[in-house]
C-alpha atoms as a PDB file:
ATOM      1  CA  MET A   1     -16.473   8.203 -12.539  1.00  0.00           C
ATOM      2  CA  THR A   2     -15.673   5.093 -10.524  1.00  0.00           C
ATOM      3  CA  ILE A   3     -13.220   5.249  -7.603  1.00  0.00           C
ATOM      4  CA  ALA A   4     -11.771   2.181  -5.830  1.00  0.00           C
ATOM      5  CA  LEU A   5     -10.978   2.723  -2.147  1.00  0.00           C
ATOM      6  CA  PRO A   6      -9.163   0.367   0.253  1.00  0.00           C
ATOM      7  CA  LYS A   7     -11.323  -0.774   3.175  1.00  0.00           C
ATOM      8  CA  GLY A   8     -10.638   0.845   6.535  1.00  0.00           C
ATOM      9  CA  ARG A   9      -9.025   4.069   7.686  1.00  0.00           C
ATOM     10  CA  ILE A  10      -7.714   5.228   4.291  1.00  0.00           C
ATOM     11  CA  ALA A  11     -11.207   4.959   2.738  1.00  0.00           C
ATOM     12  CA  GLU A  12     -12.639   7.006   5.619  1.00  0.00           C
ATOM     13  CA  ASP A  13      -9.916   9.643   5.195  1.00  0.00           C
ATOM     14  CA  VAL A  14     -10.530   9.894   1.442  1.00  0.00           C
ATOM     15  CA  LEU A  15     -14.313  10.154   1.910  1.00  0.00           C
ATOM     16  CA  ALA A  16     -13.677  12.918   4.462  1.00  0.00           C
ATOM     17  CA  ILE A  17     -11.745  14.797   1.731  1.00  0.00           C
ATOM     18  CA  PHE A  18     -14.739  14.391  -0.634  1.00  0.00           C
ATOM     19  CA  LYS A  19     -17.015  15.662   2.130  1.00  0.00           C
ATOM     20  CA  LYS A  20     -14.907  18.834   2.308  1.00  0.00           C
ATOM     21  CA  ILE A  21     -14.961  19.260  -1.469  1.00  0.00           C
ATOM     22  CA  PHE A  22     -18.721  18.758  -1.960  1.00  0.00           C
ATOM     23  CA  ASN A  23     -19.941  19.770   1.487  1.00  0.00           C
ATOM     24  CA  GLU A  24     -22.034  16.628   1.951  1.00  0.00           C
ATOM     25  CA  ASP A  25     -21.562  13.303   3.730  1.00  0.00           C
ATOM     26  CA  PHE A  26     -19.860  10.433   1.946  1.00  0.00           C
ATOM     27  CA  GLU A  27     -19.920   7.078   3.725  1.00  0.00           C
ATOM     28  CA  PHE A  28     -20.522   3.442   2.951  1.00  0.00           C
ATOM     29  CA  GLU A  29     -23.738   2.251   4.603  1.00  0.00           C
ATOM     30  CA  ASN A  30     -23.449  -0.816   6.842  1.00  0.00           C
ATOM     31  CA  ARG A  31     -21.738  -3.527   4.802  1.00  0.00           C
ATOM     32  CA  LYS A  32     -22.435  -2.063   1.379  1.00  0.00           C
ATOM     33  CA  LEU A  33     -19.533  -2.190  -1.032  1.00  0.00           C
ATOM     34  CA  ILE A  34     -20.790   0.491  -3.422  1.00  0.00           C
ATOM     35  CA  LEU A  35     -21.563   4.142  -2.695  1.00  0.00           C
ATOM     36  CA  LYS A  36     -23.051   6.364  -5.399  1.00  0.00           C
ATOM     37  CA  LYS A  37     -22.997  10.095  -4.782  1.00  0.00           C
ATOM     38  CA  ALA A  38     -22.317  13.417  -6.545  1.00  0.00           C
ATOM     39  CA  GLY A  39     -21.743  11.651  -9.870  1.00  0.00           C
ATOM     40  CA  PHE A  40     -19.169   9.249  -8.395  1.00  0.00           C
ATOM     41  CA  THR A  41     -19.349   5.522  -7.731  1.00  0.00           C
ATOM     42  CA  PHE A  42     -17.083   4.468  -4.877  1.00  0.00           C
ATOM     43  CA  LEU A  43     -16.067   0.818  -4.529  1.00  0.00           C
ATOM     44  CA  ASN A  44     -15.015  -0.540  -1.123  1.00  0.00           C
ATOM     45  CA  VAL A  45     -12.369  -3.178  -1.910  1.00  0.00           C
ATOM     46  CA  ARG A  46      -9.412  -4.866  -0.232  1.00  0.00           C
ATOM     47  CA  ASN A  47      -6.233  -2.791  -0.224  1.00  0.00           C
ATOM     48  CA  TRP A  48      -4.432  -5.409  -2.317  1.00  0.00           C
ATOM     49  CA  ASP A  49      -7.178  -5.389  -4.964  1.00  0.00           C
ATOM     50  CA  VAL A  50      -7.407  -1.627  -5.624  1.00  0.00           C
ATOM     51  CA  ALA A  51      -4.634  -1.576  -8.244  1.00  0.00           C
ATOM     52  CA  THR A  52      -6.215  -4.556 -10.050  1.00  0.00           C
ATOM     53  CA  TYR A  53      -9.617  -2.835 -10.224  1.00  0.00           C
ATOM     54  CA  VAL A  54      -7.945   0.266 -11.664  1.00  0.00           C
ATOM     55  CA  GLN A  55      -5.579  -1.573 -14.018  1.00  0.00           C
ATOM     56  CA  LYS A  56      -8.475  -3.624 -15.460  1.00  0.00           C
ATOM     57  CA  GLN A  57     -10.634  -0.464 -15.724  1.00  0.00           C
ATOM     58  CA  ALA A  58     -13.320  -1.663 -13.323  1.00  0.00           C
ATOM     59  CA  ALA A  59     -12.478   1.656 -11.641  1.00  0.00           C
ATOM     60  CA  ASP A  60     -11.179   4.856 -13.285  1.00  0.00           C
ATOM     61  CA  ILE A  61      -9.130   5.976 -10.307  1.00  0.00           C
ATOM     62  CA  GLY A  62      -8.211   4.512  -6.941  1.00  0.00           C
ATOM     63  CA  VAL A  63      -6.260   5.038  -3.732  1.00  0.00           C
ATOM     64  CA  VAL A  64      -3.581   2.532  -2.777  1.00  0.00           C
ATOM     65  CA  GLY A  65      -0.276   2.314  -0.910  1.00  0.00           C
ATOM     66  CA  TYR A  66       2.930   2.852  -2.860  1.00  0.00           C
ATOM     67  CA  ASP A  67       4.198  -0.450  -1.407  1.00  0.00           C
ATOM     68  CA  VAL A  68       1.296  -2.311  -3.073  1.00  0.00           C
ATOM     69  CA  ILE A  69       1.878  -0.572  -6.435  1.00  0.00           C
ATOM     70  CA  THR A  70       5.559  -1.564  -6.232  1.00  0.00           C
ATOM     71  CA  GLU A  71       4.917  -5.146  -5.100  1.00  0.00           C
ATOM     72  CA  LEU A  72       2.364  -5.770  -7.874  1.00  0.00           C
ATOM     73  CA  ASN A  73       4.325  -3.760 -10.458  1.00  0.00           C
ATOM     74  CA  ALA A  74       0.908  -2.308 -11.322  1.00  0.00           C
ATOM     75  CA  ASN A  75       0.460  -0.787 -14.783  1.00  0.00           C
ATOM     76  CA  VAL A  76      -1.333   2.376 -13.619  1.00  0.00           C
ATOM     77  CA  LEU A  77      -0.714   6.124 -13.636  1.00  0.00           C
ATOM     78  CA  GLU A  78       0.312   7.640 -10.320  1.00  0.00           C
ATOM     79  CA  LEU A  79      -1.382  11.040 -10.005  1.00  0.00           C
ATOM     80  CA  MET A  80      -0.702  12.246  -6.497  1.00  0.00           C
ATOM     81  CA  ASP A  81       0.776  11.373  -3.107  1.00  0.00           C
ATOM     82  CA  LEU A  82      -2.077  11.807  -0.605  1.00  0.00           C
ATOM     83  CA  GLU A  83       0.394  11.419   2.283  1.00  0.00           C
ATOM     84  CA  LEU A  84      -2.064   9.210   4.159  1.00  0.00           C
ATOM     85  CA  GLY A  85      -1.138   5.900   5.821  1.00  0.00           C
ATOM     86  CA  LYS A  86       2.564   6.678   5.935  1.00  0.00           C
ATOM     87  CA  CYS A  87       4.766   3.680   6.688  1.00  0.00           C
ATOM     88  CA  ARG A  88       8.044   2.015   5.806  1.00  0.00           C
ATOM     89  CA  VAL A  89       8.882  -1.310   4.229  1.00  0.00           C
ATOM     90  CA  SER A  90      11.787  -2.656   6.260  1.00  0.00           C
ATOM     91  CA  VAL A  91      13.984  -5.654   6.862  1.00  0.00           C
ATOM     92  CA  ALA A  92      13.506  -6.737  10.496  1.00  0.00           C
ATOM     93  CA  GLY A  93      14.949  -9.503  12.583  1.00  0.00           C
ATOM     94  CA  ILE A  94      15.721 -10.684  16.092  1.00  0.00           C
ATOM     95  CA  LYS A  95      17.019  -7.860  18.277  1.00  0.00           C
ATOM     96  CA  GLY A  96      20.793  -7.771  18.483  1.00  0.00           C
ATOM     97  CA  ASP A  97      21.235 -10.573  15.938  1.00  0.00           C
ATOM     98  CA  ASP A  98      22.799  -9.412  12.663  1.00  0.00           C
ATOM     99  CA  SER A  99      24.167 -12.829  11.687  1.00  0.00           C
ATOM    100  CA  TYR A 100      22.052 -12.794   8.502  1.00  0.00           C
ATOM    101  CA  LYS A 101      24.538 -10.269   7.069  1.00  0.00           C
ATOM    102  CA  GLN A 102      27.275 -12.933   7.077  1.00  0.00           C
ATOM    103  CA  LYS A 103      25.202 -15.623   5.336  1.00  0.00           C
ATOM    104  CA  THR A 104      25.714 -16.581   1.699  1.00  0.00           C
ATOM    105  CA  GLN A 105      21.964 -17.076   1.284  1.00  0.00           C
ATOM    106  CA  ILE A 106      19.232 -15.484   3.354  1.00  0.00           C
ATOM    107  CA  LYS A 107      15.760 -16.813   4.118  1.00  0.00           C
ATOM    108  CA  VAL A 108      13.246 -13.980   4.172  1.00  0.00           C
ATOM    109  CA  ALA A 109       9.587 -14.263   5.207  1.00  0.00           C
ATOM    110  CA  SER A 110       7.273 -11.653   3.699  1.00  0.00           C
ATOM    111  CA  LYS A 111       3.973 -10.992   1.989  1.00  0.00           C
ATOM    112  CA  LEU A 112       5.915  -8.451  -0.113  1.00  0.00           C
ATOM    113  CA  ALA A 113       7.818 -11.185  -1.932  1.00  0.00           C
ATOM    114  CA  ASN A 114       8.807  -9.126  -4.997  1.00  0.00           C
ATOM    115  CA  ILE A 115      10.027  -6.129  -2.999  1.00  0.00           C
ATOM    116  CA  ALA A 116      12.057  -8.447  -0.747  1.00  0.00           C
ATOM    117  CA  LYS A 117      13.545 -10.383  -3.671  1.00  0.00           C
ATOM    118  CA  ASN A 118      14.426  -7.249  -5.670  1.00  0.00           C
ATOM    119  CA  TYR A 119      16.016  -5.545  -2.665  1.00  0.00           C
ATOM    120  CA  PHE A 120      18.388  -8.401  -1.861  1.00  0.00           C
ATOM    121  CA  ASN A 121      19.043  -9.165  -5.547  1.00  0.00           C
ATOM    122  CA  LYS A 122      20.198  -5.570  -6.068  1.00  0.00           C
ATOM    123  CA  LYS A 123      22.628  -6.097  -3.201  1.00  0.00           C
ATOM    124  CA  GLY A 124      23.835  -9.273  -4.901  1.00  0.00           C
ATOM    125  CA  ILE A 125      22.629 -11.497  -2.046  1.00  0.00           C
ATOM    126  CA  PRO A 126      20.904 -14.808  -2.934  1.00  0.00           C
ATOM    127  CA  VAL A 127      17.573 -14.980  -1.147  1.00  0.00           C
ATOM    128  CA  GLU A 128      14.839 -17.529  -0.564  1.00  0.00           C
ATOM    129  CA  VAL A 129      11.547 -15.718  -0.040  1.00  0.00           C
ATOM    130  CA  ILE A 130       8.932 -17.544   2.044  1.00  0.00           C
ATOM    131  CA  LYS A 131       5.520 -16.052   1.258  1.00  0.00           C
ATOM    132  CA  LEU A 132       3.391 -15.486   4.369  1.00  0.00           C
ATOM    133  CA  ASN A 133       0.155 -13.546   4.655  1.00  0.00           C
ATOM    134  CA  GLY A 134       0.027 -12.749   8.358  1.00  0.00           C
ATOM    135  CA  SER A 135       1.836 -12.948  11.729  1.00  0.00           C
ATOM    136  CA  ILE A 136       5.081 -12.535   9.821  1.00  0.00           C
ATOM    137  CA  GLU A 137       6.920 -11.583  13.040  1.00  0.00           C
ATOM    138  CA  LEU A 138       6.765 -15.243  14.096  1.00  0.00           C
ATOM    139  CA  ALA A 139       8.986 -16.485  11.274  1.00  0.00           C
ATOM    140  CA  PRO A 140      12.440 -15.547  12.655  1.00  0.00           C
ATOM    141  CA  LEU A 141      11.390 -16.486  16.197  1.00  0.00           C
ATOM    142  CA  VAL A 142      10.719 -20.094  15.222  1.00  0.00           C
ATOM    143  CA  GLY A 143      13.574 -20.422  12.731  1.00  0.00           C
ATOM    144  CA  LEU A 144      11.415 -20.329   9.613  1.00  0.00           C
ATOM    145  CA  SER A 145      13.419 -17.376   8.288  1.00  0.00           C
ATOM    146  CA  ASP A 146      16.533 -15.326   9.088  1.00  0.00           C
ATOM    147  CA  VAL A 147      14.698 -12.022   8.723  1.00  0.00           C
ATOM    148  CA  ILE A 148      11.356 -10.623   7.577  1.00  0.00           C
ATOM    149  CA  VAL A 149      10.397  -7.851   5.172  1.00  0.00           C
ATOM    150  CA  ASP A 150       7.282  -6.118   6.416  1.00  0.00           C
ATOM    151  CA  ILE A 151       5.401  -2.845   6.695  1.00  0.00           C
ATOM    152  CA  VAL A 152       6.374  -0.845   9.770  1.00  0.00           C
ATOM    153  CA  GLU A 153       4.380   2.099  11.093  1.00  0.00           C
ATOM    154  CA  THR A 154       5.461   2.590  14.708  1.00  0.00           C
ATOM    155  CA  GLY A 155       7.681  -0.453  15.213  1.00  0.00           C
ATOM    156  CA  ASN A 156       5.758  -1.415  18.373  1.00  0.00           C
ATOM    157  CA  THR A 157       4.705  -4.839  17.062  1.00  0.00           C
ATOM    158  CA  LEU A 158       8.333  -5.644  16.287  1.00  0.00           C
ATOM    159  CA  LYS A 159       9.485  -4.564  19.767  1.00  0.00           C
ATOM    160  CA  GLU A 160       6.752  -6.560  21.491  1.00  0.00           C
ATOM    161  CA  ASN A 161       7.994  -9.673  19.695  1.00  0.00           C
ATOM    162  CA  GLY A 162      11.700  -9.130  20.378  1.00  0.00           C
ATOM    163  CA  LEU A 163      12.454  -7.919  16.850  1.00  0.00           C
ATOM    164  CA  GLU A 164      13.983  -4.714  15.499  1.00  0.00           C
ATOM    165  CA  GLU A 165      14.252  -2.882  12.194  1.00  0.00           C
ATOM    166  CA  LYS A 166      17.528  -3.652  10.456  1.00  0.00           C
ATOM    167  CA  GLU A 167      17.258  -1.827   7.119  1.00  0.00           C
ATOM    168  CA  VAL A 168      14.644   0.467   5.569  1.00  0.00           C
ATOM    169  CA  ILE A 169      13.855  -0.585   1.994  1.00  0.00           C
ATOM    170  CA  MET A 170      11.371   2.141   1.078  1.00  0.00           C
ATOM    171  CA  HIS A 171       8.888   4.669   2.439  1.00  0.00           C
ATOM    172  CA  SER A 172       5.252   4.336   1.466  1.00  0.00           C
ATOM    173  CA  SER A 173       2.020   6.332   1.616  1.00  0.00           C
ATOM    174  CA  ALA A 174      -1.356   6.272  -0.137  1.00  0.00           C
ATOM    175  CA  ARG A 175      -1.267   7.344  -3.790  1.00  0.00           C
ATOM    176  CA  LEU A 176      -4.072   8.420  -6.100  1.00  0.00           C
ATOM    177  CA  ILE A 177      -3.788   6.266  -9.214  1.00  0.00           C
ATOM    178  CA  ALA A 178      -5.636   6.192 -12.546  1.00  0.00           C
ATOM    179  CA  ASN A 179      -6.357   3.709 -15.296  1.00  0.00           C
ATOM    180  CA  LYS A 180      -4.383   4.755 -18.394  1.00  0.00           C
ATOM    181  CA  ASN A 181      -7.385   4.528 -20.767  1.00  0.00           C
ATOM    182  CA  SER A 182      -9.662   6.353 -18.331  1.00  0.00           C
ATOM    183  CA  PHE A 183      -7.060   9.075 -17.989  1.00  0.00           C
ATOM    184  CA  SER A 184      -7.100   9.744 -21.716  1.00  0.00           C
ATOM    185  CA  THR A 185     -10.906   9.553 -22.094  1.00  0.00           C
ATOM    186  CA  LYS A 186     -11.818  11.364 -18.848  1.00  0.00           C
ATOM    187  CA  LYS A 187      -8.733  13.533 -18.479  1.00  0.00           C
ATOM    188  CA  LYS A 188     -10.544  16.783 -17.678  1.00  0.00           C
ATOM    189  CA  LYS A 189     -12.762  15.143 -15.028  1.00  0.00           C
ATOM    190  CA  ILE A 190      -9.845  13.320 -13.402  1.00  0.00           C
ATOM    191  CA  LEU A 191      -7.537  16.358 -13.343  1.00  0.00           C
ATOM    192  CA  ASP A 192     -10.411  18.436 -11.946  1.00  0.00           C
ATOM    193  CA  ILE A 193     -10.848  16.082  -8.981  1.00  0.00           C
ATOM    194  CA  VAL A 194      -7.060  15.914  -8.462  1.00  0.00           C
ATOM    195  CA  GLU A 195      -6.968  19.729  -8.275  1.00  0.00           C
ATOM    196  CA  LYS A 196      -9.894  19.847  -5.833  1.00  0.00           C
ATOM    197  CA  ILE A 197      -8.269  17.208  -3.586  1.00  0.00           C
ATOM    198  CA  GLY A 198      -5.048  19.255  -3.671  1.00  0.00           C
ATOM    199  CA  GLN A 199      -6.944  22.388  -2.622  1.00  0.00           C
ATOM    200  CA  VAL A 200      -8.720  20.872   0.403  1.00  0.00           C
ATOM    201  CA  HIS A 201      -6.067  18.347   1.394  1.00  0.00           C
ATOM    202  CA  GLY A 202      -3.124  20.681   0.982  1.00  0.00           C
ATOM    203  CA  ALA A 203      -1.143  18.077  -0.931  1.00  0.00           C
END
């Protein structure tokens, strides 16, 4: 069974869960992107690519943030909330400045363009989404946007840049997902690993 993991802390946390289940070490060596152990093949991929690997069946199951699943509208099965990497997706802007609420159209900078667009559309507010991939906090400070939509964990980065959370759009955490075909052909194997994760992880 092939499992796609997002690079970084979440991958380490998931491998630690597998270590508890099988009582042996699971870790990617040096810069290797594939780890084969205990009948599993783990793939070390970018967070944003996990859902694609699973959707296209290059991996049977994977671990990815709920925000990414929502943003990509990924056609995958969600099996379990691992409650790792908890964060919020929020609207943030310059501290003390709520003038965006009076505007007839809002400019929003975000890498989560679909989430941002859908959120404001549901509120009936016309929005222009400016897609950025990093340093999103800069956008309202230099007049590129009225507000940003971004992932917030502690809120420290916002504070350090004179910004504040205005509205929480959604809460997110890492989810265990499965390819729909894999789930029907390897159902017993997949449900078995889900149960074992639940036992050691207390989810």
